[in-house]
Amino acid sequence: MMSSLGGSEKMPTIFFFIVLFLATSVSSASLKVGFYKSSCPSAELIVRKAVNKAVSKNPGLAAGLIRMHFHDCFVRGCDGSVLLDSTPGNPSEKESPVNNPSLRGFEVIDEAKAEIEAQCPQIVSCADVLAFAARDSAYKVGGINYAVPSGRRDGRVSLKDEPALHLPPPFFNAKQLEENFARKGLSLDEMVTLSGAHSIGVSHCSSFSNRLYSFNATHPQDPSMDPEFARYLKTKCPPSSNTGSDPTVPLEVQTPNRLDSKYYKDLKNHRGLLTSDQTLFDSPSTKRMVKNNARYGANWGNKYAAAMVRMGAIDVLTGTKGEIRKHCRVVNYR
């Protein structure tokens, strides 16, 4: 019942302890697990401590860091371009409406990078710090642990207009999502699997309010949405004409700070928040995948870990390409 929407339901205590020992080569990228074993052996531990400290204080940062890694990899590949600040005359990815003001967790990356630089100057890339942080976030709030192949290098370009060209908007249907992920080399099942990250985090009302008030000419409210859920959402998201603010609500309301498979159970109950969420159950091509993920939570956790590794290898810079930034917010001076 909707009483659980208030957040009173206790967090589950079952953890998915998954460690994937992956091959040293992922896709065509020359990444490998333990890349810094000799050059900076404490790098991954430093990142994990920074993530644990930050997420303990603010559990929502776990979703922020996972989302940041996704937004990095889908734009110019996993090269840390999302971390760069704007410069005069060159607004960066951070300024895109896709990222601003919703992207969060930059200070966690900065803290981890600063400590790594103190021990191992210009050895560990910002792109790798972000990949480690996304993994550590999943472990902290979901018990999902996996080995991260590393060796990425940092890009030197970040453009405001590019995120909107590459990242899927919240109104995409299953076919559009499939095509979007396929352009990055990811399968339909990997798309459905990675969508499970919406088990945590929040969404601004503006990303789904059309489903409540202006769905189409026949139905102001999306008829595929559970009516009780819609009534709850309307209490959190009044019509935009009545307020200048844009409140947020949890993407998955039962366990909003727990990375688990309840997201898929919500989709089965027609309680997916975004169009791009609910379409996964409504579409014949993905419906069975949603059902399987809802039923076999531990298996979903395993698949999520593998899909994150695959996503983390998209168009990476390795070898002598790119650079190792000293500070994640700015490119190195030449």
Protein backbone atom coordinates (compact mmCIF):
# COMPACT_ATOMS: atom_id res chain seq x y z
CA MET A 1 0.00 0.00 0.00
CA MET A 2 0.97 3.61 -0.38
CA SER A 3 1.76 3.98 3.31
CA SER A 4 5.22 2.63 2.47
CA LEU A 5 5.77 5.62 0.21
CA GLY A 6 6.51 7.75 3.21
CA GLY A 7 9.81 5.92 3.68
CA SER A 8 8.83 4.04 6.83
CA GLU A 9 9.65 0.63 5.40
CA LYS A 10 12.84 -0.79 6.87
CA MET A 11 15.82 -1.31 4.63
CA PRO A 12 16.44 -4.93 3.66
CA THR A 13 19.43 -6.56 5.28
CA ILE A 14 20.33 -9.05 2.56
CA PHE A 15 23.50 -8.10 0.75
CA PHE A 16 24.65 -9.28 -2.64
CA PHE A 17 28.32 -9.96 -2.06
CA ILE A 18 29.56 -10.28 -5.57
CA VAL A 19 33.15 -10.10 -6.60
CA LEU A 20 33.79 -10.46 -10.28
CA PHE A 21 37.30 -11.48 -11.24
CA LEU A 22 37.25 -10.26 -14.79
CA ALA A 23 39.60 -10.79 -17.68
CA THR A 24 42.24 -8.13 -17.96
CA SER A 25 40.91 -6.94 -21.30
CA VAL A 26 37.48 -5.38 -21.62
CA SER A 27 36.11 -4.84 -25.11
CA SER A 28 38.88 -3.36 -27.27
CA ALA A 29 40.21 -1.26 -24.43
CA SER A 30 43.56 -2.02 -22.83
CA LEU A 31 42.24 -1.74 -19.29
CA LYS A 32 43.16 -4.21 -16.59
CA VAL A 33 42.26 -5.03 -13.03
CA GLY A 34 45.00 -3.93 -10.65
CA PHE A 35 46.46 -1.40 -13.09
CA TYR A 36 47.85 0.66 -10.17
CA LYS A 37 49.02 -2.29 -8.08
CA SER A 38 52.67 -1.24 -8.37
CA SER A 39 52.47 2.47 -9.23
CA CYS A 40 49.87 3.51 -6.63
CA PRO A 41 48.76 0.52 -4.56
CA SER A 42 46.58 2.56 -2.17
CA ALA A 43 44.53 4.28 -4.91
CA GLU A 44 41.39 2.15 -4.74
CA LEU A 45 41.38 2.10 -0.94
CA ILE A 46 41.63 5.90 -0.83
CA VAL A 47 38.62 6.22 -3.14
CA ARG A 48 36.60 3.69 -1.16
CA LYS A 49 37.26 5.51 2.11
CA ALA A 50 36.23 8.84 0.58
CA VAL A 51 33.02 7.34 -0.80
CA ASN A 52 32.16 5.57 2.44
CA LYS A 53 32.64 8.77 4.44
CA ALA A 54 30.55 10.87 2.08
CA VAL A 55 27.73 8.35 1.58
CA SER A 56 27.50 7.69 5.32
CA LYS A 57 26.73 11.37 5.78
CA ASN A 58 24.54 11.70 2.69
CA PRO A 59 23.24 8.41 1.22
CA GLY A 60 21.98 10.23 -1.87
CA LEU A 61 25.56 10.77 -3.04
CA ALA A 62 25.79 7.08 -3.99
CA ALA A 63 23.22 7.62 -6.73
CA GLY A 64 24.98 10.83 -7.71
CA LEU A 65 28.34 9.13 -8.23
CA ILE A 66 26.90 6.20 -10.18
CA ARG A 67 24.97 8.63 -12.39
CA MET A 68 28.08 10.77 -12.87
CA HIS A 69 30.03 7.77 -14.17
CA PHE A 70 27.18 6.97 -16.58
CA HIS A 71 27.05 10.58 -17.79
CA ASP A 72 30.83 10.55 -18.22
CA CYS A 73 30.95 7.33 -20.23
CA PHE A 74 28.09 8.18 -22.59
CA VAL A 75 29.67 11.51 -23.57
CA ARG A 76 33.13 11.21 -25.19
CA GLY A 77 33.67 7.88 -23.46
CA CYS A 78 34.83 7.33 -19.87
CA ASP A 79 37.44 10.11 -19.93
CA GLY A 80 36.52 12.30 -16.95
CA SER A 81 35.19 15.06 -19.23
CA VAL A 82 32.11 15.43 -17.00
CA LEU A 83 34.40 16.56 -14.17
CA LEU A 84 35.85 19.59 -15.97
CA ASP A 85 34.77 23.09 -14.99
CA SER A 86 33.84 25.65 -17.61
CA THR A 87 36.47 28.07 -18.85
CA PRO A 88 35.92 31.55 -20.33
CA GLY A 89 34.05 31.12 -23.61
CA ASN A 90 33.79 27.34 -23.20
CA PRO A 91 30.93 26.10 -21.02
CA SER A 92 31.55 22.48 -20.04
CA GLU A 93 29.33 19.41 -19.72
CA LYS A 94 28.57 20.47 -16.15
CA GLU A 95 26.52 23.39 -17.51
CA SER A 96 24.24 21.23 -19.67
CA PRO A 97 20.61 21.17 -18.45
CA VAL A 98 21.04 17.40 -18.35
CA ASN A 99 23.67 17.82 -15.61
CA ASN A 100 22.96 21.16 -13.96
CA PRO A 101 21.80 21.33 -11.21
CA SER A 102 21.09 17.63 -10.76
CA LEU A 103 24.58 16.09 -11.00
CA ARG A 104 26.23 15.78 -7.59
CA GLY A 105 29.22 14.26 -5.86
CA PHE A 106 32.03 16.26 -7.45
CA GLU A 107 33.49 17.09 -4.04
CA VAL A 108 33.91 13.37 -3.29
CA ILE A 109 35.99 12.92 -6.43
CA ASP A 110 38.03 16.02 -5.57
CA GLU A 111 38.77 14.76 -2.06
CA ALA A 112 39.84 11.30 -3.22
CA LYS A 113 41.96 12.70 -6.05
CA ALA A 114 43.72 15.18 -3.72
CA GLU A 115 44.75 12.40 -1.34
CA ILE A 116 45.90 10.19 -4.20
CA GLU A 117 47.95 13.06 -5.67
CA ALA A 118 49.65 13.54 -2.29
CA GLN A 119 50.82 9.92 -2.39
CA CYS A 120 51.17 9.23 -6.13
CA PRO A 121 51.45 12.44 -8.17
CA GLN A 122 49.99 12.25 -11.68
CA ILE A 123 49.63 8.49 -11.71
CA VAL A 124 45.89 7.86 -11.28
CA SER A 125 43.42 9.40 -13.73
CA CYS A 126 40.28 11.23 -12.72
CA ALA A 127 38.33 8.92 -15.04
CA ASP A 128 39.52 5.93 -13.00
CA VAL A 129 38.76 7.66 -9.69
CA LEU A 130 35.19 8.14 -10.91
CA ALA A 131 34.90 4.50 -12.06
CA PHE A 132 36.15 3.31 -8.66
CA ALA A 133 33.73 5.68 -6.88
CA ALA A 134 30.75 4.34 -8.83
CA ARG A 135 31.71 0.78 -7.84
CA ASP A 136 32.23 1.75 -4.22
CA SER A 137 28.85 3.50 -4.14
CA ALA A 138 27.13 0.33 -5.35
CA TYR A 139 28.94 -1.64 -2.66
CA LYS A 140 28.08 0.83 0.08
CA VAL A 141 24.33 0.98 -0.61
CA GLY A 142 23.73 -2.38 -2.28
CA GLY A 143 26.48 -4.80 -1.29
CA ILE A 144 27.38 -5.14 -4.99
CA ASN A 145 31.15 -5.39 -5.32
CA TYR A 146 33.18 -5.98 -8.46
CA ALA A 147 36.70 -5.59 -9.80
CA VAL A 148 37.15 -2.45 -11.89
CA PRO A 149 39.54 -2.70 -14.83
CA SER A 150 41.52 0.55 -14.89
CA GLY A 151 44.10 2.42 -16.91
CA ARG A 152 41.82 5.10 -18.35
CA ARG A 153 43.32 8.47 -19.16
CA ASP A 154 41.66 11.86 -18.94
CA GLY A 155 40.31 13.84 -21.85
CA ARG A 156 40.95 17.53 -22.40
CA VAL A 157 37.61 18.52 -23.96
CA SER A 158 34.21 19.09 -22.32
CA LEU A 159 31.36 20.78 -24.19
CA LYS A 160 28.03 21.94 -22.81
CA ASP A 161 25.95 20.81 -25.79
CA GLU A 162 27.15 17.22 -25.95
CA PRO A 163 25.33 15.56 -23.01
CA ALA A 164 21.92 16.25 -24.58
CA LEU A 165 23.12 14.60 -27.79
CA HIS A 166 24.20 11.35 -26.15
CA LEU A 167 22.28 10.77 -22.91
CA PRO A 168 18.76 9.29 -23.07
CA PRO A 169 16.02 11.68 -21.89
CA PRO A 170 13.35 10.55 -19.42
CA PHE A 171 10.65 10.37 -22.10
CA PHE A 172 12.36 7.75 -24.29
CA ASN A 173 10.51 4.51 -25.00
CA ALA A 174 12.12 1.07 -24.91
CA LYS A 175 13.04 1.08 -28.60
CA GLN A 176 14.71 4.49 -28.34
CA LEU A 177 16.59 3.37 -25.23
CA GLU A 178 17.73 0.20 -26.98
CA GLU A 179 19.08 2.24 -29.90
CA ASN A 180 20.75 4.75 -27.60
CA PHE A 181 22.60 2.06 -25.64
CA ALA A 182 23.42 0.10 -28.80
CA ARG A 183 25.29 3.13 -30.14
CA LYS A 184 27.57 2.75 -27.12
CA GLY A 185 28.03 -0.98 -27.70
CA LEU A 186 25.65 -2.12 -24.96
CA SER A 187 22.97 -4.78 -25.40
CA LEU A 188 19.23 -4.60 -24.72
CA ASP A 189 19.64 -6.71 -21.57
CA GLU A 190 22.48 -4.48 -20.36
CA MET A 191 20.25 -1.43 -20.88
CA VAL A 192 17.49 -2.98 -18.77
CA THR A 193 20.04 -4.09 -16.17
CA LEU A 194 21.69 -0.68 -15.84
CA SER A 195 18.28 1.01 -15.59
CA GLY A 196 18.06 -0.71 -12.21
CA ALA A 197 20.36 2.02 -10.87
CA HIS A 198 17.10 3.98 -10.64
CA SER A 199 16.52 1.93 -7.51
CA ILE A 200 18.30 4.85 -5.81
CA GLY A 201 18.39 8.58 -6.35
CA VAL A 202 15.77 11.22 -7.01
CA SER A 203 14.10 12.89 -9.97
CA HIS A 204 12.84 16.42 -10.40
CA CYS A 205 9.07 16.63 -10.85
CA SER A 206 9.59 18.31 -14.22
CA SER A 207 11.00 15.03 -15.59
CA PHE A 208 7.67 13.20 -15.21
CA SER A 209 4.94 15.80 -14.43
CA ASN A 210 3.52 15.39 -17.93
CA ARG A 211 2.43 11.90 -16.83
CA LEU A 212 0.38 13.49 -14.07
CA TYR A 213 -1.16 16.53 -15.72
CA SER A 214 -0.73 16.64 -19.52
CA PHE A 215 -0.18 13.14 -20.83
CA ASN A 216 -2.27 13.50 -23.99
CA ALA A 217 -5.48 15.05 -25.29
CA THR A 218 -7.58 12.12 -24.09
CA HIS A 219 -5.91 11.40 -20.77
CA PRO A 220 -4.41 14.22 -18.70
CA GLN A 221 -2.98 11.48 -16.44
CA ASP A 222 -1.01 8.57 -17.87
CA PRO A 223 -3.47 5.64 -17.73
CA SER A 224 -0.59 3.17 -17.40
CA MET A 225 0.39 4.63 -14.00
CA ASP A 226 -1.06 3.10 -10.86
CA PRO A 227 -3.77 5.61 -9.79
CA GLU A 228 -2.80 5.45 -6.12
CA PHE A 229 0.81 6.15 -7.02
CA ALA A 230 -0.28 9.06 -9.19
CA ARG A 231 -2.25 10.55 -6.32
CA TYR A 232 0.81 10.30 -4.09
CA LEU A 233 3.01 11.97 -6.69
CA LYS A 234 0.56 14.84 -7.11
CA THR A 235 0.97 15.63 -3.40
CA LYS A 236 4.72 15.96 -3.98
CA CYS A 237 4.53 17.64 -7.39
CA PRO A 238 1.81 20.27 -7.67
CA PRO A 239 1.03 21.66 -11.13
CA SER A 240 3.96 23.72 -12.39
CA SER A 241 1.76 26.77 -12.82
CA ASN A 242 1.26 26.92 -9.07
CA THR A 243 4.90 27.12 -8.07
CA GLY A 244 8.23 28.26 -9.39
CA SER A 245 10.10 25.42 -7.69
CA ASP A 246 10.92 21.97 -9.06
CA PRO A 247 10.76 19.50 -6.14
CA THR A 248 12.35 16.07 -6.17
CA VAL A 249 10.95 12.65 -5.32
CA PRO A 250 12.72 9.30 -4.97
CA LEU A 251 12.98 7.27 -8.17
CA GLU A 252 12.05 4.19 -6.13
CA VAL A 253 10.04 5.07 -3.06
CA GLN A 254 10.11 1.88 -0.97
CA THR A 255 13.88 1.67 -0.37
CA PRO A 256 15.19 4.92 -1.88
CA ASN A 257 18.70 4.57 -0.45
CA ARG A 258 19.12 0.87 -1.16
CA LEU A 259 20.41 -0.39 -4.51
CA ASP A 260 18.23 -3.46 -5.04
CA SER A 261 15.79 -5.07 -7.46
CA LYS A 262 12.65 -3.46 -6.01
CA TYR A 263 12.80 -1.04 -8.92
CA TYR A 264 11.66 -3.86 -11.21
CA LYS A 265 8.86 -4.86 -8.84
CA ASP A 266 7.64 -1.27 -9.00
CA LEU A 267 7.56 -1.47 -12.79
CA LYS A 268 5.42 -4.62 -12.58
CA ASN A 269 3.03 -2.68 -10.32
CA HIS A 270 2.91 0.26 -12.75
CA ARG A 271 4.82 2.47 -10.34
CA GLY A 272 7.73 3.39 -12.58
CA LEU A 273 8.39 7.09 -12.13
CA LEU A 274 9.75 8.07 -15.54
CA THR A 275 8.37 7.14 -18.94
CA SER A 276 11.79 5.60 -19.65
CA ASP A 277 11.34 3.39 -16.58
CA GLN A 278 7.76 2.16 -17.09
CA THR A 279 8.33 1.51 -20.78
CA LEU A 280 10.63 -1.37 -19.85
CA PHE A 281 7.67 -3.34 -18.48
CA ASP A 282 5.16 -2.14 -21.04
CA SER A 283 7.35 -3.09 -24.02
CA PRO A 284 7.21 -6.73 -25.25
CA SER A 285 10.96 -6.69 -25.99
CA THR A 286 11.92 -6.00 -22.36
CA LYS A 287 8.98 -7.17 -20.25
CA ARG A 288 10.41 -10.63 -19.52
CA MET A 289 13.75 -9.09 -18.53
CA VAL A 290 11.97 -6.89 -15.99
CA LYS A 291 10.10 -9.90 -14.60
CA ASN A 292 13.29 -11.93 -14.26
CA ASN A 293 15.15 -9.09 -12.54
CA ALA A 294 12.25 -8.61 -10.14
CA ARG A 295 12.19 -12.31 -9.32
CA TYR A 296 15.92 -13.00 -9.15
CA GLY A 297 17.44 -10.06 -7.29
CA ALA A 298 20.83 -11.63 -6.65
CA ASN A 299 21.21 -12.49 -10.33
CA TRP A 300 20.33 -8.91 -11.25
CA GLY A 301 23.09 -7.69 -8.90
CA ASN A 302 25.55 -9.96 -10.68
CA LYS A 303 24.44 -8.71 -14.09
CA TYR A 304 24.58 -5.10 -12.90
CA ALA A 305 28.22 -5.50 -11.89
CA ALA A 306 29.15 -7.00 -15.28
CA ALA A 307 27.23 -4.30 -17.18
CA MET A 308 28.94 -1.54 -15.21
CA VAL A 309 32.33 -2.96 -16.21
CA ARG A 310 31.21 -3.04 -19.85
CA MET A 311 29.92 0.54 -19.65
CA GLY A 312 33.16 1.61 -18.00
CA ALA A 313 35.10 0.59 -21.12
CA ILE A 314 33.21 2.79 -23.58
CA ASP A 315 35.60 4.72 -25.84
CA VAL A 316 38.30 4.98 -23.19
CA LEU A 317 41.61 6.76 -23.69
CA THR A 318 44.60 4.58 -22.83
CA GLY A 319 48.33 4.41 -23.40
CA THR A 320 49.62 7.81 -24.45
CA LYS A 321 46.23 9.29 -25.35
CA GLY A 322 44.81 12.02 -23.15
CA GLU A 323 46.56 12.89 -19.91
CA ILE A 324 46.57 12.29 -16.14
CA ARG A 325 45.08 15.46 -14.67
CA LYS A 326 46.55 16.90 -11.49
CA HIS A 327 43.15 18.35 -10.58
CA CYS A 328 39.96 16.80 -11.91
CA ARG A 329 38.26 20.13 -12.57
CA VAL A 330 40.91 21.53 -14.94
CA VAL A 331 43.14 20.20 -17.70
CA ASN A 332 46.87 20.28 -17.17
CA TYR A 333 48.75 23.35 -18.35
CA ARG A 334 51.05 22.68 -21.28
